[in-house]
Protein backbone atom coordinates (compact mmCIF):
# COMPACT_ATOMS: atom_id res chain seq x y z
CA MET A 1 -19.82 -7.93 6.72
CA LYS A 2 -20.71 -9.86 9.84
CA TYR A 3 -18.56 -10.02 12.95
CA SER A 4 -18.48 -12.84 15.40
CA LYS A 5 -18.96 -12.31 19.11
CA SER A 6 -15.26 -13.05 19.77
CA ASP A 7 -14.19 -10.37 17.24
CA MET A 8 -16.42 -7.81 18.94
CA ASN A 9 -14.94 -8.67 22.35
CA THR A 10 -11.41 -8.32 20.96
CA ALA A 11 -12.23 -4.91 19.46
CA GLN A 12 -13.69 -3.71 22.76
CA THR A 13 -10.58 -4.92 24.62
CA ASN A 14 -8.25 -3.11 22.19
CA ASN A 15 -10.36 0.05 22.46
CA SER A 16 -10.22 -0.08 26.28
CA THR A 17 -6.47 -0.63 26.19
CA SER A 18 -6.02 2.37 23.88
CA ILE A 19 -8.13 4.58 26.13
CA LEU A 20 -6.15 3.42 29.18
CA ARG A 21 -2.85 4.20 27.47
CA ARG A 22 -4.02 7.69 26.50
CA THR A 23 -5.25 8.29 30.05
CA VAL A 24 -1.91 7.21 31.54
CA ALA A 25 -0.03 9.36 29.04
CA ALA A 26 -2.21 12.35 29.90
CA ILE A 27 -1.63 11.83 33.62
CA MET A 28 2.13 11.58 33.08
CA SER A 29 2.10 14.75 30.97
CA VAL A 30 0.20 16.62 33.66
CA SER A 31 2.63 15.33 36.31
CA ILE A 32 5.65 16.44 34.27
CA ILE A 33 4.14 19.88 33.64
CA ALA A 34 3.29 20.20 37.32
CA GLY A 35 6.83 19.22 38.24
CA LEU A 36 8.21 21.85 35.87
CA ALA A 37 5.81 24.42 37.28
CA VAL A 38 6.98 23.92 40.85
CA SER A 39 10.66 23.46 40.04
CA PRO A 40 11.52 27.17 40.45
CA ALA A 41 10.20 27.02 44.03
CA SER A 42 13.00 24.62 44.90
CA ALA A 43 15.45 27.51 44.36
CA THR A 44 13.96 29.49 47.25
CA SER A 45 15.45 29.47 50.73
CA ARG A 46 14.20 30.50 54.13
CA ILE A 47 15.49 33.77 55.53
CA LYS A 48 16.62 31.67 58.49
CA ASP A 49 19.08 29.80 56.23
CA ILE A 50 20.62 32.81 54.47
CA ALA A 51 20.73 35.52 57.14
CA ASP A 52 21.51 36.19 60.81
CA PHE A 53 19.67 38.43 63.24
CA GLU A 54 21.56 41.01 65.25
CA GLY A 55 22.46 39.81 68.73
CA ILE A 56 21.88 36.12 68.03
CA ARG A 57 25.48 34.99 67.76
CA ASP A 58 28.11 32.82 69.43
CA ASN A 59 31.15 34.09 71.33
CA LEU A 60 34.54 32.39 71.19
CA LEU A 61 36.35 31.36 74.36
CA VAL A 62 39.95 30.29 74.86
CA GLY A 63 42.05 29.07 77.78
CA TYR A 64 45.38 27.53 78.78
CA GLY A 65 45.48 24.44 80.96
CA LEU A 66 47.23 21.23 81.93
CA VAL A 67 46.28 17.65 81.13
CA VAL A 68 47.53 15.07 83.63
CA GLY A 69 47.43 11.29 83.84
CA LEU A 70 49.19 10.58 80.54
CA ASN A 71 51.08 7.33 80.09
CA GLY A 72 54.49 8.83 79.38
CA THR A 73 53.27 10.73 76.30
CA GLY A 74 53.43 14.21 77.82
CA ASP A 75 55.72 17.18 77.18
CA GLY A 76 59.49 17.04 77.49
CA LEU A 77 61.49 19.46 79.63
CA ARG A 78 63.71 20.58 76.74
CA ASN A 79 61.10 21.44 74.09
CA ALA A 80 58.26 22.54 76.42
CA PRO A 81 59.71 24.31 79.50
CA PHE A 82 56.41 26.18 80.02
CA THR A 83 54.79 22.90 81.08
CA LYS A 84 57.16 22.61 84.03
CA GLN A 85 56.62 26.27 84.95
CA SER A 86 52.83 25.88 84.81
CA LEU A 87 52.97 22.70 86.89
CA GLU A 88 55.10 24.40 89.58
CA ALA A 89 52.76 27.42 89.71
CA MET A 90 49.70 25.20 90.03
CA LEU A 91 51.25 23.12 92.83
CA GLU A 92 52.22 26.28 94.72
CA ARG A 93 48.62 27.51 94.58
CA LEU A 94 47.66 24.18 96.15
CA GLY A 95 50.26 24.61 98.92
CA VAL A 96 52.98 22.35 97.50
CA ASN A 97 56.47 23.87 97.22
CA THR A 98 58.44 22.34 94.33
CA ARG A 99 61.00 25.09 93.75
CA GLY A 100 64.50 23.71 93.22
CA THR A 101 63.31 20.16 92.52
CA THR A 102 63.33 18.29 89.23
CA LEU A 103 59.85 17.48 87.98
CA ASN A 104 59.17 14.80 85.41
CA THR A 105 56.54 16.16 83.02
CA LYS A 106 56.19 13.10 80.77
CA ASN A 107 52.74 12.48 82.26
CA VAL A 108 51.67 16.13 81.88
CA ALA A 109 50.87 18.14 78.75
CA ALA A 110 50.14 21.83 78.24
CA VAL A 111 47.04 22.37 76.12
CA MET A 112 45.02 25.18 74.61
CA ILE A 113 41.28 25.00 75.24
CA SER A 114 38.80 26.37 72.70
CA ALA A 115 35.02 26.60 72.99
CA SER A 116 32.04 28.45 71.58
CA LEU A 117 29.64 30.21 73.94
CA PRO A 118 26.12 30.07 72.42
CA ALA A 119 23.91 33.13 72.46
CA PHE A 120 21.85 33.80 75.62
CA THR A 121 23.43 30.91 77.56
CA LYS A 122 22.64 31.08 81.27
CA GLN A 123 24.89 30.41 84.26
CA GLY A 124 25.29 26.75 85.10
CA THR A 125 24.82 25.61 81.49
CA ARG A 126 27.41 23.20 80.14
CA ILE A 127 29.15 23.49 76.75
CA ASP A 128 31.56 21.28 74.78
CA ILE A 129 35.27 22.09 74.65
CA THR A 130 38.26 21.02 72.55
CA ALA A 131 41.82 20.58 73.89
CA SER A 132 44.92 20.66 71.65
CA THR A 133 48.53 20.10 72.66
CA LEU A 134 50.84 23.08 72.87
CA GLY A 135 54.17 21.30 73.39
CA ASP A 136 55.70 18.07 72.08
CA SER A 137 53.23 15.67 73.66
CA SER A 138 52.59 12.69 71.37
CA SER A 139 49.14 11.72 72.70
CA LEU A 140 46.42 12.92 75.08
CA LEU A 141 44.88 9.47 75.39
CA GLY A 142 43.78 8.76 78.96
CA GLY A 143 44.41 12.34 80.15
CA THR A 144 42.30 14.52 82.42
CA LEU A 145 42.05 18.28 82.07
CA LEU A 146 42.46 20.23 85.31
CA ALA A 147 40.23 23.22 86.10
CA THR A 148 40.90 25.80 83.38
CA PRO A 149 39.29 29.26 83.11
CA LEU A 150 38.03 30.19 79.64
CA LEU A 151 38.35 33.84 78.61
CA GLY A 152 36.36 35.91 76.16
CA ALA A 153 37.60 38.65 73.82
CA ASP A 154 37.26 41.18 76.66
CA GLY A 155 39.59 39.18 78.94
CA GLU A 156 36.83 38.19 81.36
CA VAL A 157 36.28 34.60 82.53
CA TYR A 158 33.02 33.22 81.15
CA ALA A 159 33.43 29.48 81.81
CA VAL A 160 35.56 26.91 83.63
CA ALA A 161 36.53 23.61 81.98
CA GLN A 162 37.53 20.29 83.53
CA GLY A 163 37.12 16.60 82.83
CA ALA A 164 38.42 13.46 81.13
CA LEU A 165 39.39 13.83 77.48
CA ALA A 166 37.87 11.74 74.69
CA VAL A 167 40.58 11.20 72.07
CA GLY A 168 39.66 9.71 68.70
CA GLY A 169 43.19 8.74 67.61
CA PHE A 170 46.03 6.65 68.97
CA THR A 171 49.70 5.93 68.39
CA ALA A 172 51.45 2.56 68.72
CA GLN A 173 55.15 2.10 68.12
CA GLY A 174 57.86 -0.48 68.44
CA GLU A 175 61.51 -0.89 67.62
CA GLY A 176 61.00 -1.02 63.87
CA GLY A 177 58.17 1.41 63.26
CA SER A 178 55.00 3.07 64.49
CA VAL A 179 51.31 3.33 63.59
CA THR A 180 49.17 6.43 64.08
CA LYS A 181 45.42 6.65 63.56
CA GLY A 182 43.56 9.94 63.64
CA VAL A 183 44.94 12.87 65.64
CA PRO A 184 45.92 11.73 69.16
CA THR A 185 47.15 15.23 70.09
CA SER A 186 43.63 16.68 70.16
CA GLY A 187 40.60 15.68 72.20
CA ARG A 188 37.12 16.79 73.24
CA ILE A 189 35.17 16.90 76.47
CA PRO A 190 31.41 16.85 75.82
CA ALA A 191 29.73 19.25 78.27
CA GLY A 192 33.17 19.81 79.74
CA ALA A 193 32.77 23.48 80.71
CA ILE A 194 30.32 25.25 83.02
CA ILE A 195 29.16 28.79 82.21
CA GLU A 196 30.03 31.18 85.05
CA ARG A 197 29.18 34.53 83.41
CA GLU A 198 26.44 35.55 80.98
CA VAL A 199 26.89 37.91 78.05
CA PRO A 200 24.67 40.93 78.78
CA PHE A 201 22.31 41.79 75.91
CA ASP A 202 18.79 43.23 76.05
CA PHE A 203 17.22 41.35 73.17
CA ALA A 204 13.57 41.72 74.14
CA GLY A 205 13.85 45.52 74.41
CA MET A 206 15.15 46.12 70.88
CA THR A 207 13.08 48.41 68.64
CA ARG A 208 15.47 48.28 65.68
CA MET A 209 17.40 45.28 64.42
CA ASN A 210 19.81 44.51 61.59
CA ILE A 211 19.47 41.38 59.48
CA SER A 212 22.83 40.34 58.02
CA LEU A 213 23.12 38.21 54.89
CA ARG A 214 25.71 35.44 55.02
CA ASN A 215 26.45 35.94 51.31
CA PRO A 216 26.25 39.69 50.63
CA ASP A 217 24.33 40.56 47.47
CA LEU A 218 22.35 43.65 46.47
CA THR A 219 19.54 41.76 44.75
CA THR A 220 19.12 39.30 47.61
CA ALA A 221 19.08 42.11 50.19
CA LEU A 222 16.33 43.91 48.27
CA ARG A 223 14.29 40.72 47.88
CA VAL A 224 14.50 39.98 51.61
CA SER A 225 13.33 43.51 52.39
CA GLU A 226 10.41 43.28 49.98
CA VAL A 227 9.31 39.86 51.30
CA ILE A 228 9.29 41.06 54.92
CA ASN A 229 7.42 44.27 54.01
CA ALA A 230 4.81 42.27 52.10
CA PHE A 231 4.35 39.97 55.11
CA LEU A 232 3.99 42.84 57.63
CA GLY A 233 1.81 44.93 55.31
CA HIS A 234 3.93 48.10 55.54
CA ARG A 235 7.52 49.25 54.95
CA ALA A 236 9.20 48.08 58.14
CA THR A 237 12.53 47.12 56.52
CA LYS A 238 15.05 48.79 54.26
CA ALA A 239 18.14 47.36 52.56
CA GLN A 240 21.08 49.44 53.81
CA ASN A 241 23.83 47.72 51.79
CA PRO A 242 24.51 44.34 50.12
CA SER A 243 24.70 42.57 53.48
CA THR A 244 22.45 44.48 55.89
CA ILE A 245 18.68 44.96 56.06
CA GLU A 246 17.40 47.25 58.82
CA LEU A 247 14.19 46.16 60.54
CA VAL A 248 12.05 48.60 62.51
CA VAL A 249 10.05 46.53 64.98
CA PRO A 250 6.33 47.34 64.75
CA PRO A 251 4.90 48.69 68.03
CA ALA A 252 2.51 45.74 68.22
CA HIS A 253 5.51 43.39 68.61
CA TYR A 254 7.54 45.35 71.18
CA LYS A 255 6.82 42.80 73.89
CA ASN A 256 6.80 39.76 71.61
CA LEU A 257 9.90 40.09 69.45
CA VAL A 258 10.63 36.36 69.45
CA ALA A 259 7.28 35.56 67.82
CA LEU A 260 7.88 38.20 65.12
CA LEU A 261 11.34 36.91 64.24
CA THR A 262 10.08 33.33 64.21
CA LYS A 263 7.57 34.24 61.51
CA ILE A 264 10.08 36.33 59.54
CA GLU A 265 12.78 33.65 59.46
CA GLN A 266 10.31 31.17 57.90
CA LEU A 267 9.63 33.43 54.88
CA ASN A 268 10.98 32.12 51.56
CA VAL A 269 13.29 34.20 49.35
CA GLU A 270 15.06 33.32 46.13
CA PRO A 271 18.73 34.28 46.69
CA ASP A 272 20.66 35.74 43.79
CA GLN A 273 24.32 35.15 43.13
CA SER A 274 27.01 36.56 40.90
CA ALA A 275 28.62 34.46 38.19
CA LYS A 276 31.74 32.85 39.65
CA VAL A 277 34.07 30.02 38.76
CA VAL A 278 36.02 28.71 41.76
CA VAL A 279 39.08 26.58 40.97
CA ASP A 280 41.52 24.74 43.22
CA GLU A 281 44.61 23.95 41.19
CA GLN A 282 46.09 21.69 43.87
CA THR A 283 43.20 19.23 43.86
CA GLY A 284 41.77 19.97 40.41
CA ILE A 285 38.34 20.92 41.80
CA ILE A 286 36.17 23.26 39.71
CA VAL A 287 32.90 24.78 40.97
CA MET A 288 30.78 26.90 38.60
CA GLY A 289 27.55 28.72 39.40
CA ASP A 290 24.50 28.48 37.16
CA LYS A 291 24.87 32.15 36.15
CA VAL A 292 28.10 31.51 34.24
CA ARG A 293 27.78 32.42 30.56
CA VAL A 294 30.22 32.25 27.65
CA SER A 295 30.37 34.35 24.49
CA THR A 296 31.02 32.71 21.12
CA VAL A 297 34.45 31.10 21.25
CA ALA A 298 36.26 28.21 19.56
CA ILE A 299 38.34 25.82 21.68
CA ALA A 300 40.93 23.22 20.70
CA GLN A 301 43.02 21.28 23.17
CA GLY A 302 46.05 19.08 22.84
CA ASN A 303 49.08 18.08 24.90
CA LEU A 304 52.60 18.24 23.50
CA THR A 305 54.76 15.51 24.99
CA ILE A 306 58.53 15.56 24.48
CA SER A 307 60.42 12.42 25.46
CA VAL A 308 64.17 12.17 25.92
CA THR A 309 65.69 8.68 26.19
CA GLU A 310 69.29 8.12 27.16
CA SER A 311 70.94 4.79 26.36
CA GLU A 312 74.55 3.66 26.54
CA GLN A 313 76.24 1.57 23.87
CA VAL A 314 79.60 -0.19 24.06
CA SER A 315 82.14 0.52 21.31
CA GLN A 316 85.06 -1.86 21.06
CA PRO A 317 87.77 -2.51 18.43
CA GLY A 318 87.48 -5.33 15.96
CA ALA A 319 88.61 -8.87 16.71
CA PHE A 320 91.94 -8.53 14.84
CA ALA A 321 92.60 -4.85 15.53
CA GLN A 322 96.07 -4.07 16.79
CA ALA A 323 95.06 -0.99 18.74
CA GLY A 324 91.97 0.54 20.33
CA ASN A 325 90.06 0.60 23.61
CA THR A 326 86.59 -0.49 24.63
CA GLU A 327 84.50 2.59 25.50
CA LYS A 328 80.93 3.51 26.41
CA VAL A 329 79.17 5.75 23.92
CA ALA A 330 76.04 7.70 24.98
CA ARG A 331 73.07 7.73 22.62
CA THR A 332 70.15 10.14 22.95
CA ASP A 333 66.75 9.68 21.29
CA ILE A 334 64.41 12.68 21.25
CA GLY A 335 60.78 12.40 20.21
CA ALA A 336 57.78 14.72 20.18
CA GLU A 337 54.14 13.69 20.16
CA VAL A 338 50.90 15.65 20.31
CA GLU A 339 48.30 13.89 22.45
CA GLY A 340 44.67 14.71 22.97
CA ASN A 341 41.69 15.55 20.81
CA ASP A 342 42.47 17.51 17.66
CA LYS A 343 38.86 18.64 17.20
CA LEU A 344 37.83 22.29 17.37
CA THR A 345 34.72 22.86 19.49
CA VAL A 346 32.65 26.02 19.08
CA LEU A 347 30.67 27.34 22.05
CA ASN A 348 27.94 29.74 20.95
CA ALA A 349 27.12 32.97 22.75
CA GLY A 350 25.08 32.75 25.96
CA VAL A 351 25.50 29.02 26.51
CA SER A 352 24.41 27.68 29.88
CA LEU A 353 26.54 25.94 32.48
CA GLN A 354 25.44 22.50 31.29
CA GLN A 355 26.28 23.35 27.66
CA LEU A 356 29.66 24.71 28.68
CA VAL A 357 30.52 21.52 30.59
CA ASN A 358 29.23 19.30 27.77
CA GLY A 359 31.29 21.22 25.21
CA LEU A 360 34.49 20.87 27.21
CA ASN A 361 33.80 17.21 27.99
CA ALA A 362 33.33 16.59 24.25
CA LEU A 363 37.02 17.35 23.83
CA GLY A 364 37.93 14.70 26.43
CA ILE A 365 39.25 17.34 28.80
CA GLY A 366 40.03 16.49 32.41
CA PRO A 367 39.52 18.82 35.38
CA ARG A 368 43.10 20.10 35.46
CA ASP A 369 43.13 20.91 31.73
CA MET A 370 39.69 22.50 32.12
CA ILE A 371 41.13 24.96 34.65
CA SER A 372 43.65 26.23 32.11
CA ILE A 373 41.00 26.41 29.39
CA LEU A 374 38.62 28.42 31.59
CA GLN A 375 41.43 30.85 32.43
CA SER A 376 42.22 31.17 28.72
CA ILE A 377 38.55 31.84 27.90
CA LYS A 378 38.53 34.53 30.60
CA THR A 379 41.68 36.10 29.14
CA ALA A 380 40.01 36.16 25.72
CA GLY A 381 37.09 38.08 27.25
CA ALA A 382 34.57 35.36 26.41
CA LEU A 383 33.85 34.13 29.96
CA GLN A 384 31.23 36.32 31.63
CA ALA A 385 32.14 35.33 35.17
CA GLU A 386 34.73 35.93 37.87
CA ILE A 387 37.42 33.29 38.36
CA VAL A 388 38.37 32.75 42.00
CA THR A 389 41.53 30.71 42.62
CA MET A 390 41.80 28.99 45.99
């Protein structure tokens, strides 16, 4: 059989197309396999993201102060007498005697100041603060905080705060109603406090240090210890308990502890977690970890709805009756109906989280009904996880 030149060109084109398709398919297969191969690495986390180093921590500060310059939205004398007392004491310290006089505090509000002192902050550094009303002030909009000392847990003054408040909410009202947006009784002052005292801590001179896990777990603690030991080349760490790993600083890093911790916190570890199911019955939120497993169990779900309807009917005598009265007669209708899916779903032993969710969704179950079902599965001993109710 003879082939024309056009037939030969067509055959070559089809052959090239087939080869191209096989090449693309092979490349896609390799890409998918490569993606599956590296997918477990996405479960790893840096030590920096799952643990804290001893000494590197914030300290909480608190203070009591006065906000002035309010437009009649301050504290009242009846519900907040401490505002008047604080104002009198402050004026006396400034040389103004107000004893025996009546002060109007509608432009003044007593507030509590809260702030966080970062680790190793030096004198003269500024930090952000938050002010919240203590009395019956309706808004801090336009107010200015007077100099307020901020105390630590030891009762010492570590910072002094002062400045104009930035309030994100407001309140507007009239004769017939009012409108409130956000929270006008709380405000912030960016860089509103100056550090006056440092927290003493000899970080550079430490020869031993504890590494604390944010989510305590025995397996994770052991993995962190093994990863650090493998990086340093000798056993410099030891897991003391589910939340603490003790690090013995190698002598070569005594004068360069920051560089050592910088390298350690970048090491990757795969955290482990226990099987937990967290439920919030108020909002219907359910959170399940990927370690949740279920033994073989059969589930059926349905809602029994009972309806009671009351209706009144009028009973009156006939048109030609000689006696009788018109009266109201109550009539009650009671009905019962079973709603929901009447199917029975079987969950086999050792099913994964995705299979568990798919099985419950197959019954048309909503989040609130799923909470009750999960609790019932736990009661039956088929849920291999801890249920935590918020």
